[in-house]
């Protein structure tokens, strides 16, 4: 029969290639296992998988005792150590980032708690003069819900006659956040949701 099934040919070629690669690089199939073990379980399991891989190659399918096989074993040990070290560094970095995020979240919650408990109205704006944070007292005084003010320009809460002076002082403060003068407070009239001034 002249016709040969394509799947049979592909399987035969794949098997021959794997046999040849296993003889030339017997440790190559074990490197992904080392990486997975180190990534999921840590450095010690990754090194343990590397050691078991060496044992399995030398005991189960012993390579010919030659300089080349010893060299391949050393190369595998070096690559395994590099993989485990890089993954351990990545895991440490990820843990550090998670710890910092938790600390930041805790600090932010404390700050928000202090902001909410302040007896005065407090409005915090970003560098674009948009309202970033307010406290409950601000909602009470101005008559707005928090969601209605967040992201809005600060001018929404300042009476028309005072906006120019405020914006001038704010621009100066943005340019020099630590001015020498201690007399930086200014009196303003605010405007409530119903249009009355305070």
N, C-alpha and C. Protein backbone atom coordinates (compact mmCIF):
# COMPACT_ATOMS: atom_id res chain seq x y z
N UNK A 1 0.85 -1.18 0.00
CA UNK A 1 0.00 0.00 0.00
C UNK A 1 0.89 1.24 0.00
N UNK A 2 0.67 2.09 -0.98
CA UNK A 2 1.52 3.26 -1.14
C UNK A 2 1.09 4.40 -0.22
N UNK A 3 -0.18 4.46 0.13
CA UNK A 3 -0.68 5.56 0.95
C UNK A 3 -0.31 5.33 2.41
N UNK A 4 0.34 6.32 3.03
CA UNK A 4 0.70 6.24 4.45
C UNK A 4 -0.08 7.34 5.17
N UNK A 5 -0.73 6.94 6.26
CA UNK A 5 -1.53 7.88 7.04
C UNK A 5 -0.63 9.00 7.57
N UNK A 6 -1.06 10.25 7.39
CA UNK A 6 -0.28 11.40 7.82
C UNK A 6 -0.06 11.42 9.33
N UNK A 7 -1.06 10.98 10.11
CA UNK A 7 -0.92 10.97 11.58
C UNK A 7 0.18 10.01 12.02
N UNK A 8 0.28 8.88 11.34
CA UNK A 8 1.31 7.91 11.70
C UNK A 8 2.69 8.50 11.44
N UNK A 9 2.86 9.18 10.31
CA UNK A 9 4.15 9.79 9.98
C UNK A 9 4.50 10.87 11.00
N UNK A 10 3.50 11.71 11.34
CA UNK A 10 3.76 12.77 12.32
C UNK A 10 4.16 12.19 13.67
N UNK A 11 3.46 11.15 14.10
CA UNK A 11 3.79 10.53 15.39
C UNK A 11 5.18 9.91 15.37
N UNK A 12 5.55 9.28 14.25
CA UNK A 12 6.87 8.66 14.13
C UNK A 12 7.96 9.73 14.18
N UNK A 13 7.77 10.83 13.45
CA UNK A 13 8.75 11.91 13.44
C UNK A 13 8.88 12.52 14.83
N UNK A 14 7.73 12.74 15.49
CA UNK A 14 7.75 13.31 16.84
C UNK A 14 8.47 12.39 17.81
N UNK A 15 8.19 11.09 17.73
CA UNK A 15 8.84 10.15 18.63
C UNK A 15 10.35 10.12 18.40
N UNK A 16 10.77 10.12 17.13
CA UNK A 16 12.21 10.12 16.83
C UNK A 16 12.86 11.40 17.34
N UNK A 17 12.18 12.52 17.14
CA UNK A 17 12.75 13.79 17.60
C UNK A 17 12.86 13.82 19.11
N UNK A 18 11.84 13.31 19.80
CA UNK A 18 11.89 13.30 21.27
C UNK A 18 12.97 12.36 21.78
N UNK A 19 13.12 11.21 21.12
CA UNK A 19 14.19 10.29 21.53
C UNK A 19 15.55 10.94 21.35
N UNK A 20 15.73 11.60 20.20
CA UNK A 20 17.02 12.23 19.94
C UNK A 20 17.27 13.36 20.92
N UNK A 21 16.20 14.18 21.19
CA UNK A 21 16.41 15.30 22.10
C UNK A 21 16.60 14.80 23.52
N UNK A 22 15.95 13.69 23.88
CA UNK A 22 16.12 13.17 25.24
C UNK A 22 17.54 12.64 25.43
N UNK A 23 18.09 12.06 24.37
CA UNK A 23 19.47 11.58 24.48
C UNK A 23 20.46 12.74 24.52
N UNK A 24 20.18 13.79 23.74
CA UNK A 24 21.09 14.93 23.70
C UNK A 24 20.86 15.90 24.87
N UNK A 25 19.62 16.03 25.29
CA UNK A 25 19.29 16.94 26.39
C UNK A 25 18.28 16.25 27.30
N UNK A 26 18.73 15.29 28.08
CA UNK A 26 17.79 14.50 28.87
C UNK A 26 17.07 15.29 29.96
N UNK A 27 17.61 16.44 30.33
CA UNK A 27 17.00 17.20 31.43
C UNK A 27 15.99 18.24 30.94
N UNK A 28 15.97 18.50 29.63
CA UNK A 28 15.11 19.55 29.10
C UNK A 28 13.64 19.38 29.49
N UNK A 29 13.08 18.17 29.44
CA UNK A 29 11.66 18.03 29.81
C UNK A 29 11.38 18.36 31.29
N UNK A 30 12.42 18.37 32.13
CA UNK A 30 12.21 18.58 33.57
C UNK A 30 12.26 20.06 33.97
N UNK A 31 12.81 20.91 33.10
CA UNK A 31 12.91 22.33 33.45
C UNK A 31 11.54 22.98 33.70
N UNK A 32 10.52 22.70 32.86
CA UNK A 32 9.20 23.27 33.18
C UNK A 32 8.67 22.81 34.54
N UNK A 33 8.94 21.55 34.91
CA UNK A 33 8.48 21.05 36.21
C UNK A 33 9.16 21.80 37.34
N UNK A 34 10.45 22.09 37.19
CA UNK A 34 11.17 22.87 38.20
C UNK A 34 10.55 24.26 38.32
N UNK A 35 10.25 24.89 37.18
CA UNK A 35 9.67 26.23 37.19
C UNK A 35 8.30 26.24 37.84
N UNK A 36 7.47 25.27 37.50
CA UNK A 36 6.11 25.21 38.06
C UNK A 36 6.17 24.97 39.57
N UNK A 37 7.03 24.04 40.00
CA UNK A 37 7.14 23.75 41.44
C UNK A 37 7.63 24.98 42.20
N UNK A 38 8.62 25.68 41.64
CA UNK A 38 9.15 26.87 42.31
C UNK A 38 8.11 27.99 42.34
N UNK A 39 7.35 28.14 41.26
CA UNK A 39 6.35 29.20 41.19
C UNK A 39 5.18 28.94 42.14
N UNK A 40 4.70 27.70 42.15
CA UNK A 40 3.51 27.40 42.95
C UNK A 40 3.83 27.14 44.43
N UNK A 41 4.98 26.51 44.70
CA UNK A 41 5.24 26.04 46.07
C UNK A 41 6.44 26.70 46.74
N UNK A 42 7.32 27.32 46.00
CA UNK A 42 8.47 27.97 46.61
C UNK A 42 9.79 27.38 46.17
N UNK A 43 10.87 27.92 46.74
CA UNK A 43 12.22 27.55 46.32
C UNK A 43 12.57 26.11 46.68
N UNK A 44 12.27 25.70 47.90
CA UNK A 44 12.65 24.34 48.32
C UNK A 44 12.00 23.27 47.45
N UNK A 45 10.68 23.33 47.20
CA UNK A 45 10.10 22.34 46.29
C UNK A 45 10.70 22.40 44.88
N UNK A 46 11.02 23.62 44.40
CA UNK A 46 11.64 23.72 43.08
C UNK A 46 12.99 23.03 43.04
N UNK A 47 13.81 23.22 44.08
CA UNK A 47 15.10 22.54 44.14
C UNK A 47 14.93 21.03 44.33
N UNK A 48 13.89 20.64 45.07
CA UNK A 48 13.63 19.21 45.27
C UNK A 48 13.27 18.55 43.94
N UNK A 49 12.44 19.23 43.14
CA UNK A 49 12.09 18.69 41.82
C UNK A 49 13.32 18.59 40.94
N UNK A 50 14.21 19.57 41.03
CA UNK A 50 15.45 19.52 40.25
C UNK A 50 16.28 18.31 40.67
N UNK A 51 16.41 18.08 41.99
CA UNK A 51 17.16 16.92 42.47
C UNK A 51 16.54 15.61 42.05
N UNK A 52 15.20 15.51 42.14
CA UNK A 52 14.52 14.28 41.70
C UNK A 52 14.67 14.08 40.20
N UNK A 53 14.70 15.16 39.45
CA UNK A 53 14.89 15.05 38.00
C UNK A 53 16.26 14.47 37.69
N UNK A 54 17.28 14.93 38.40
CA UNK A 54 18.63 14.39 38.19
C UNK A 54 18.66 12.91 38.53
N UNK A 55 18.06 12.55 39.67
CA UNK A 55 18.02 11.13 40.05
C UNK A 55 17.30 10.29 39.02
N UNK A 56 16.15 10.80 38.53
CA UNK A 56 15.38 10.01 37.57
C UNK A 56 16.16 9.80 36.27
N UNK A 57 16.88 10.84 35.82
CA UNK A 57 17.65 10.67 34.59
C UNK A 57 18.81 9.70 34.81
N UNK A 58 19.52 9.83 35.93
CA UNK A 58 20.69 8.98 36.16
C UNK A 58 20.34 7.56 36.60
N UNK A 59 19.20 7.40 37.27
CA UNK A 59 18.85 6.06 37.76
C UNK A 59 17.89 5.32 36.85
N UNK A 60 16.86 6.02 36.34
CA UNK A 60 15.85 5.35 35.52
C UNK A 60 16.33 5.18 34.10
N UNK A 61 16.82 6.25 33.50
CA UNK A 61 17.32 6.18 32.13
C UNK A 61 18.77 6.62 32.16
N UNK A 62 19.67 5.80 32.64
CA UNK A 62 21.06 6.26 32.83
C UNK A 62 21.72 6.62 31.51
N UNK A 63 22.27 7.85 31.44
CA UNK A 63 23.01 8.21 30.23
C UNK A 63 24.38 7.54 30.26
N UNK A 64 25.00 7.55 29.11
CA UNK A 64 26.34 6.96 29.07
C UNK A 64 27.28 7.79 29.93
N UNK A 65 28.10 7.12 30.68
CA UNK A 65 29.03 7.82 31.57
C UNK A 65 30.11 8.49 30.73
N UNK A 66 29.94 9.80 30.54
CA UNK A 66 30.92 10.54 29.73
C UNK A 66 30.99 11.97 30.24
N UNK A 67 31.99 12.66 29.73
CA UNK A 67 32.15 14.05 30.08
C UNK A 67 30.91 14.86 29.68
N UNK A 68 30.33 14.53 28.52
CA UNK A 68 29.15 15.25 28.02
C UNK A 68 27.96 15.09 28.94
N UNK A 69 27.71 13.90 29.46
CA UNK A 69 26.55 13.70 30.33
C UNK A 69 26.74 14.42 31.67
N UNK A 70 27.98 14.43 32.17
CA UNK A 70 28.25 15.18 33.41
C UNK A 70 28.07 16.67 33.16
N UNK A 71 28.52 17.14 32.01
CA UNK A 71 28.37 18.55 31.66
C UNK A 71 26.90 18.93 31.53
N UNK A 72 26.09 18.05 30.88
CA UNK A 72 24.66 18.32 30.76
C UNK A 72 23.99 18.38 32.14
N UNK A 73 24.45 17.51 33.06
CA UNK A 73 23.90 17.54 34.42
C UNK A 73 24.24 18.85 35.11
N UNK A 74 25.48 19.30 34.95
CA UNK A 74 25.88 20.58 35.55
C UNK A 74 25.10 21.75 34.96
N UNK A 75 24.90 21.72 33.64
CA UNK A 75 24.13 22.77 32.98
C UNK A 75 22.69 22.77 33.52
N UNK A 76 22.11 21.58 33.70
CA UNK A 76 20.75 21.49 34.25
C UNK A 76 20.70 22.06 35.67
N UNK A 77 21.71 21.75 36.47
CA UNK A 77 21.75 22.27 37.85
C UNK A 77 21.82 23.80 37.83
N UNK A 78 22.66 24.33 36.95
CA UNK A 78 22.80 25.79 36.86
C UNK A 78 21.49 26.44 36.40
N UNK A 79 20.88 25.87 35.34
CA UNK A 79 19.62 26.43 34.85
C UNK A 79 18.52 26.32 35.89
N UNK A 80 18.47 25.19 36.59
CA UNK A 80 17.45 25.01 37.64
C UNK A 80 17.63 26.03 38.74
N UNK A 81 18.90 26.23 39.15
CA UNK A 81 19.17 27.22 40.21
C UNK A 81 18.79 28.62 39.75
N UNK A 82 19.06 28.95 38.48
CA UNK A 82 18.69 30.26 37.95
C UNK A 82 17.17 30.42 37.94
N UNK A 83 16.46 29.40 37.49
CA UNK A 83 15.00 29.47 37.43
C UNK A 83 14.43 29.66 38.83
N UNK A 84 14.91 28.85 39.78
CA UNK A 84 14.40 28.93 41.15
C UNK A 84 14.72 30.30 41.75
N UNK A 85 15.93 30.82 41.50
CA UNK A 85 16.32 32.13 42.04
C UNK A 85 15.46 33.25 41.48
N UNK A 86 15.25 33.24 40.16
CA UNK A 86 14.44 34.29 39.53
C UNK A 86 13.00 34.23 40.05
N UNK A 87 12.44 33.02 40.13
CA UNK A 87 11.05 32.90 40.60
C UNK A 87 10.96 33.28 42.07
N UNK A 88 11.97 32.93 42.88
CA UNK A 88 11.96 33.33 44.29
C UNK A 88 12.00 34.85 44.41
N UNK A 89 12.82 35.50 43.57
CA UNK A 89 12.88 36.96 43.59
C UNK A 89 11.54 37.57 43.19
N UNK A 90 10.90 36.98 42.17
CA UNK A 90 9.59 37.47 41.75
C UNK A 90 8.56 37.30 42.87
N UNK A 91 8.59 36.13 43.53
CA UNK A 91 7.64 35.90 44.63
C UNK A 91 7.88 36.88 45.78
N UNK A 92 9.16 37.15 46.10
CA UNK A 92 9.48 38.10 47.16
C UNK A 92 8.99 39.49 46.79
N UNK A 93 9.25 39.90 45.54
CA UNK A 93 8.80 41.21 45.08
C UNK A 93 7.28 41.32 45.15
N UNK A 94 6.58 40.27 44.71
CA UNK A 94 5.12 40.27 44.75
C UNK A 94 4.62 40.36 46.19
N UNK A 95 5.25 39.60 47.09
CA UNK A 95 4.87 39.67 48.51
C UNK A 95 5.09 41.06 49.08
N UNK A 96 6.23 41.69 48.71
CA UNK A 96 6.51 43.05 49.18
C UNK A 96 5.47 44.04 48.68
N UNK A 97 5.11 43.91 47.42
CA UNK A 97 4.11 44.81 46.84
C UNK A 97 2.76 44.62 47.55
N UNK A 98 2.39 43.36 47.82
CA UNK A 98 1.13 43.11 48.52
C UNK A 98 1.17 43.70 49.93
N UNK A 99 2.29 43.55 50.61
CA UNK A 99 2.43 44.11 51.96
C UNK A 99 2.32 45.64 51.92
N UNK A 100 2.99 46.25 50.95
CA UNK A 100 2.92 47.71 50.82
C UNK A 100 1.50 48.17 50.50
N UNK A 101 0.81 47.42 49.65
CA UNK A 101 -0.58 47.77 49.33
C UNK A 101 -1.47 47.67 50.55
N UNK A 102 -1.26 46.64 51.37
CA UNK A 102 -2.05 46.50 52.60
C UNK A 102 -1.75 47.65 53.57
N UNK A 103 -0.48 48.02 53.69
CA UNK A 103 -0.11 49.15 54.55
C UNK A 103 -0.73 50.44 54.04
N UNK A 104 -0.67 50.63 52.72
CA UNK A 104 -1.26 51.83 52.13
C UNK A 104 -2.76 51.87 52.34
N UNK A 105 -3.42 50.71 52.19
CA UNK A 105 -4.86 50.65 52.43
C UNK A 105 -5.19 51.01 53.87
N UNK A 106 -4.39 50.47 54.81
CA UNK A 106 -4.60 50.79 56.23
C UNK A 106 -4.42 52.27 56.50
N UNK A 107 -3.36 52.87 55.92
CA UNK A 107 -3.12 54.30 56.11
C UNK A 107 -4.25 55.13 55.52
N UNK A 108 -4.71 54.71 54.35
CA UNK A 108 -5.80 55.45 53.71
C UNK A 108 -7.07 55.37 54.54
N UNK A 109 -7.35 54.20 55.12
CA UNK A 109 -8.54 54.07 55.97
C UNK A 109 -8.42 54.95 57.21
N UNK A 110 -7.22 55.00 57.80
CA UNK A 110 -7.02 55.88 58.96
C UNK A 110 -7.23 57.34 58.57
N UNK A 111 -6.66 57.74 57.43
CA UNK A 111 -6.79 59.11 56.97
C UNK A 111 -8.26 59.45 56.72
N UNK A 112 -8.97 58.54 56.07
CA UNK A 112 -10.39 58.79 55.80
C UNK A 112 -11.18 58.88 57.11
N UNK A 113 -10.80 58.04 58.10
CA UNK A 113 -11.46 58.09 59.39
C UNK A 113 -11.25 59.44 60.07
N UNK A 114 -9.99 59.95 60.01
CA UNK A 114 -9.71 61.27 60.58
C UNK A 114 -10.46 62.37 59.83
N UNK A 115 -10.50 62.26 58.51
CA UNK A 115 -11.19 63.25 57.69
C UNK A 115 -12.68 63.27 58.04
N UNK A 116 -13.27 62.09 58.16
CA UNK A 116 -14.70 62.01 58.46
C UNK A 116 -15.03 62.53 59.86
N UNK A 117 -14.13 62.31 60.80
CA UNK A 117 -14.42 62.71 62.18
C UNK A 117 -14.12 64.18 62.45
N UNK A 118 -13.55 64.89 61.48
CA UNK A 118 -13.22 66.31 61.69
C UNK A 118 -14.52 67.11 61.88
N UNK A 119 -14.53 68.04 62.84
CA UNK A 119 -15.75 68.83 63.09
C UNK A 119 -16.01 69.89 62.01
N UNK A 120 -14.97 70.24 61.24
CA UNK A 120 -15.11 71.26 60.19
C UNK A 120 -15.29 70.59 58.84
N UNK A 121 -15.87 71.35 57.93
CA UNK A 121 -15.97 70.87 56.55
C UNK A 121 -14.58 70.83 55.95
N UNK A 122 -14.24 69.73 55.29
CA UNK A 122 -12.92 69.59 54.65
C UNK A 122 -13.11 69.15 53.21
N UNK A 123 -12.45 69.89 52.33
CA UNK A 123 -12.50 69.59 50.90
C UNK A 123 -11.07 69.47 50.42
N UNK A 124 -10.74 68.35 49.77
CA UNK A 124 -9.39 68.13 49.24
C UNK A 124 -9.50 68.10 47.72
N UNK A 125 -8.66 68.93 47.08
CA UNK A 125 -8.69 69.00 45.62
C UNK A 125 -7.40 68.41 45.05
N UNK A 126 -7.48 67.97 43.80
CA UNK A 126 -6.28 67.45 43.13
C UNK A 126 -5.58 68.57 42.37
N UNK A 127 -4.57 68.21 41.60
CA UNK A 127 -3.78 69.24 40.90
C UNK A 127 -4.56 69.93 39.79
N UNK A 128 -5.70 69.37 39.41
CA UNK A 128 -6.54 69.99 38.37
C UNK A 128 -7.69 70.79 38.97
N UNK A 129 -7.62 71.03 40.29
CA UNK A 129 -8.63 71.79 41.04
C UNK A 129 -9.97 71.07 41.07
N UNK A 130 -9.93 69.76 40.96
CA UNK A 130 -11.17 68.98 41.05
C UNK A 130 -11.26 68.36 42.44
N UNK A 131 -12.46 68.25 42.95
CA UNK A 131 -12.67 67.74 44.31
C UNK A 131 -12.36 66.26 44.34
N UNK A 132 -11.41 65.90 45.21
CA UNK A 132 -10.99 64.50 45.33
C UNK A 132 -11.60 63.83 46.55
N UNK A 133 -11.71 64.57 47.66
CA UNK A 133 -12.26 64.02 48.90
C UNK A 133 -13.04 65.10 49.63
N UNK A 134 -14.12 64.70 50.28
CA UNK A 134 -14.83 65.59 51.19
C UNK A 134 -15.24 64.76 52.40
N UNK A 135 -15.60 65.45 53.48
CA UNK A 135 -16.09 64.71 54.64
C UNK A 135 -17.60 64.94 54.80
N UNK A 136 -18.16 64.25 55.80
CA UNK A 136 -19.61 64.31 56.01
C UNK A 136 -20.06 65.73 56.35
N UNK A 137 -19.22 66.48 57.07
CA UNK A 137 -19.59 67.84 57.45
C UNK A 137 -19.74 68.73 56.22
N UNK A 138 -18.95 68.50 55.19
CA UNK A 138 -19.08 69.25 53.94
C UNK A 138 -20.43 68.97 53.30
N UNK A 139 -20.83 67.71 53.30
CA UNK A 139 -22.14 67.36 52.74
C UNK A 139 -23.25 68.10 53.48
N UNK A 140 -23.15 68.14 54.82
CA UNK A 140 -24.17 68.80 55.63
C UNK A 140 -24.21 70.30 55.34
N UNK A 141 -23.04 70.95 55.33
CA UNK A 141 -23.01 72.39 55.15
C UNK A 141 -23.45 72.84 53.76
N UNK A 142 -23.00 72.12 52.73
CA UNK A 142 -23.27 72.57 51.37
C UNK A 142 -24.53 71.96 50.77
N UNK A 143 -25.04 70.88 51.38
CA UNK A 143 -26.28 70.29 50.90
C UNK A 143 -26.14 69.36 49.71
N UNK A 144 -24.92 69.01 49.35
CA UNK A 144 -24.68 68.08 48.24
C UNK A 144 -24.43 66.68 48.78
N UNK A 145 -24.79 65.69 47.99
CA UNK A 145 -24.32 64.33 48.27
C UNK A 145 -22.86 64.25 47.84
N UNK A 146 -22.13 63.38 48.48
CA UNK A 146 -20.70 63.21 48.17
C UNK A 146 -20.49 62.91 46.69
N UNK A 147 -21.30 62.00 46.15
CA UNK A 147 -21.12 61.59 44.75
C UNK A 147 -21.31 62.75 43.79
N UNK A 148 -22.13 63.72 44.16
CA UNK A 148 -22.38 64.87 43.28
C UNK A 148 -21.19 65.82 43.24
N UNK A 149 -20.33 65.80 44.26
CA UNK A 149 -19.20 66.73 44.31
C UNK A 149 -17.89 66.13 43.83
N UNK A 150 -17.69 64.85 44.05
CA UNK A 150 -16.41 64.24 43.68
C UNK A 150 -16.16 64.38 42.18
N UNK A 151 -14.98 64.89 41.85
CA UNK A 151 -14.62 65.09 40.44
C UNK A 151 -15.05 66.43 39.88
N UNK A 152 -15.83 67.19 40.64
CA UNK A 152 -16.29 68.51 40.18
C UNK A 152 -15.23 69.57 40.48
N UNK A 153 -15.22 70.69 39.73
CA UNK A 153 -14.27 71.77 40.02
C UNK A 153 -14.59 72.39 41.38
N UNK A 154 -13.57 72.81 42.09
CA UNK A 154 -13.75 73.40 43.42
C UNK A 154 -14.58 74.69 43.33
N UNK A 155 -14.54 75.36 42.17
CA UNK A 155 -15.29 76.60 42.01
C UNK A 155 -16.79 76.41 42.26
N UNK A 156 -17.25 75.20 42.16
CA UNK A 156 -18.67 74.92 42.39
C UNK A 156 -19.10 75.29 43.82
N UNK A 157 -18.15 75.25 44.76
CA UNK A 157 -18.46 75.52 46.16
C UNK A 157 -18.09 76.95 46.59
N UNK A 158 -17.52 77.75 45.68
CA UNK A 158 -17.06 79.10 46.04
C UNK A 158 -17.94 80.14 45.35
N UNK A 159 -18.36 81.12 46.13
CA UNK A 159 -19.18 82.19 45.56
C UNK A 159 -18.42 82.92 44.46
N UNK A 160 -19.18 83.43 43.47
CA UNK A 160 -18.57 84.02 42.27
C UNK A 160 -17.56 85.11 42.59
N UNK A 161 -17.84 85.99 43.52
CA UNK A 161 -16.97 87.11 43.81
C UNK A 161 -15.64 86.71 44.43
N UNK A 162 -15.49 85.47 44.86
CA UNK A 162 -14.28 85.04 45.55
C UNK A 162 -13.45 84.03 44.74
N UNK A 163 -13.98 83.60 43.62
CA UNK A 163 -13.29 82.56 42.85
C UNK A 163 -11.94 83.02 42.31
N UNK A 164 -11.88 84.24 41.80
CA UNK A 164 -10.63 84.72 41.20
C UNK A 164 -9.52 84.78 42.25
N UNK A 165 -9.83 85.33 43.42
CA UNK A 165 -8.82 85.42 44.47
C UNK A 165 -8.37 84.03 44.91
N UNK A 166 -9.35 83.13 45.05
CA UNK A 166 -9.02 81.77 45.48
C UNK A 166 -8.12 81.08 44.45
N UNK A 167 -8.48 81.19 43.19
CA UNK A 167 -7.71 80.51 42.14
C UNK A 167 -6.29 81.08 42.05
N UNK A 168 -6.15 82.39 42.26
CA UNK A 168 -4.81 83.00 42.26
C UNK A 168 -3.97 82.44 43.39
N UNK A 169 -4.56 82.39 44.59
CA UNK A 169 -3.83 81.87 45.76
C UNK A 169 -3.53 80.38 45.59
N UNK A 170 -4.48 79.65 45.02
CA UNK A 170 -4.27 78.21 44.82
C UNK A 170 -3.13 77.97 43.83
N UNK A 171 -3.09 78.75 42.74
CA UNK A 171 -2.01 78.60 41.76
C UNK A 171 -0.67 78.88 42.40
N UNK A 172 -0.61 79.92 43.27
CA UNK A 172 0.65 80.23 43.96
C UNK A 172 1.03 79.09 44.90
N UNK A 173 0.05 78.53 45.57
CA UNK A 173 0.32 77.42 46.50
C UNK A 173 0.79 76.17 45.74
N UNK A 174 0.20 75.92 44.58
CA UNK A 174 0.62 74.76 43.76
C UNK A 174 2.06 74.94 43.30
N UNK A 175 2.44 76.19 43.00
CA UNK A 175 3.82 76.46 42.56
C UNK A 175 4.81 76.36 43.70
N UNK A 176 4.39 76.72 44.90
CA UNK A 176 5.27 76.67 46.08
C UNK A 176 4.45 76.13 47.25
N UNK A 177 4.44 74.79 47.41
CA UNK A 177 3.59 74.20 48.45
C UNK A 177 4.03 74.52 49.87
N UNK A 178 5.25 75.05 50.06
CA UNK A 178 5.75 75.37 51.40
C UNK A 178 6.14 76.84 51.46
N UNK A 179 5.16 77.73 51.41
CA UNK A 179 5.51 79.16 51.41
C UNK A 179 6.09 79.58 52.75
N UNK A 180 6.92 80.66 52.70
CA UNK A 180 7.55 81.18 53.92
C UNK A 180 6.53 81.85 54.83
N UNK A 181 5.56 82.49 54.23
CA UNK A 181 4.59 83.24 55.02
C UNK A 181 3.65 82.29 55.76
N UNK A 182 3.37 82.61 57.02
CA UNK A 182 2.42 81.80 57.78
C UNK A 182 1.01 82.35 57.65
N UNK A 183 0.88 83.50 57.00
CA UNK A 183 -0.43 84.14 56.86
C UNK A 183 -1.03 83.73 55.51
N UNK A 184 -1.32 82.46 55.34
CA UNK A 184 -1.80 81.98 54.06
C UNK A 184 -3.30 81.71 54.05
N UNK A 185 -3.99 81.87 55.18
CA UNK A 185 -5.43 81.63 55.22
C UNK A 185 -6.15 82.80 54.56
N UNK A 186 -7.20 82.49 53.80
CA UNK A 186 -8.01 83.54 53.18
C UNK A 186 -9.47 83.28 53.53
N UNK A 187 -10.21 84.36 53.66
CA UNK A 187 -11.65 84.24 53.94
C UNK A 187 -12.39 84.17 52.61
N UNK A 188 -13.30 83.19 52.52
CA UNK A 188 -14.09 83.01 51.30
C UNK A 188 -15.55 82.86 51.67
N UNK A 189 -16.39 83.13 50.72
CA UNK A 189 -17.80 82.77 50.86
C UNK A 189 -18.04 81.54 50.01
N UNK A 190 -18.66 80.55 50.64
CA UNK A 190 -19.04 79.36 49.90
C UNK A 190 -20.47 79.49 49.42
N UNK A 191 -20.85 78.63 48.49
CA UNK A 191 -22.21 78.66 47.99
C UNK A 191 -22.83 77.28 48.10
N UNK A 192 -23.99 77.22 48.72
CA UNK A 192 -24.67 75.93 48.93
C UNK A 192 -25.38 75.49 47.66
N UNK A 193 -25.88 74.29 47.73
CA UNK A 193 -26.62 73.74 46.59
C UNK A 193 -27.85 74.58 46.29
N UNK A 194 -28.48 75.12 47.32
CA UNK A 194 -29.69 75.92 47.10
C UNK A 194 -29.39 77.35 46.70
N UNK A 195 -28.10 77.71 46.56
CA UNK A 195 -27.72 79.04 46.10
C UNK A 195 -27.43 80.02 47.22
N UNK A 196 -27.69 79.65 48.46
CA UNK A 196 -27.39 80.56 49.56
C UNK A 196 -25.91 80.52 49.85
N UNK A 197 -25.38 81.61 50.40
CA UNK A 197 -23.95 81.71 50.68
C UNK A 197 -23.69 81.38 52.14
N UNK A 198 -22.48 80.90 52.40
CA UNK A 198 -22.06 80.64 53.79
C UNK A 198 -20.60 81.04 53.95
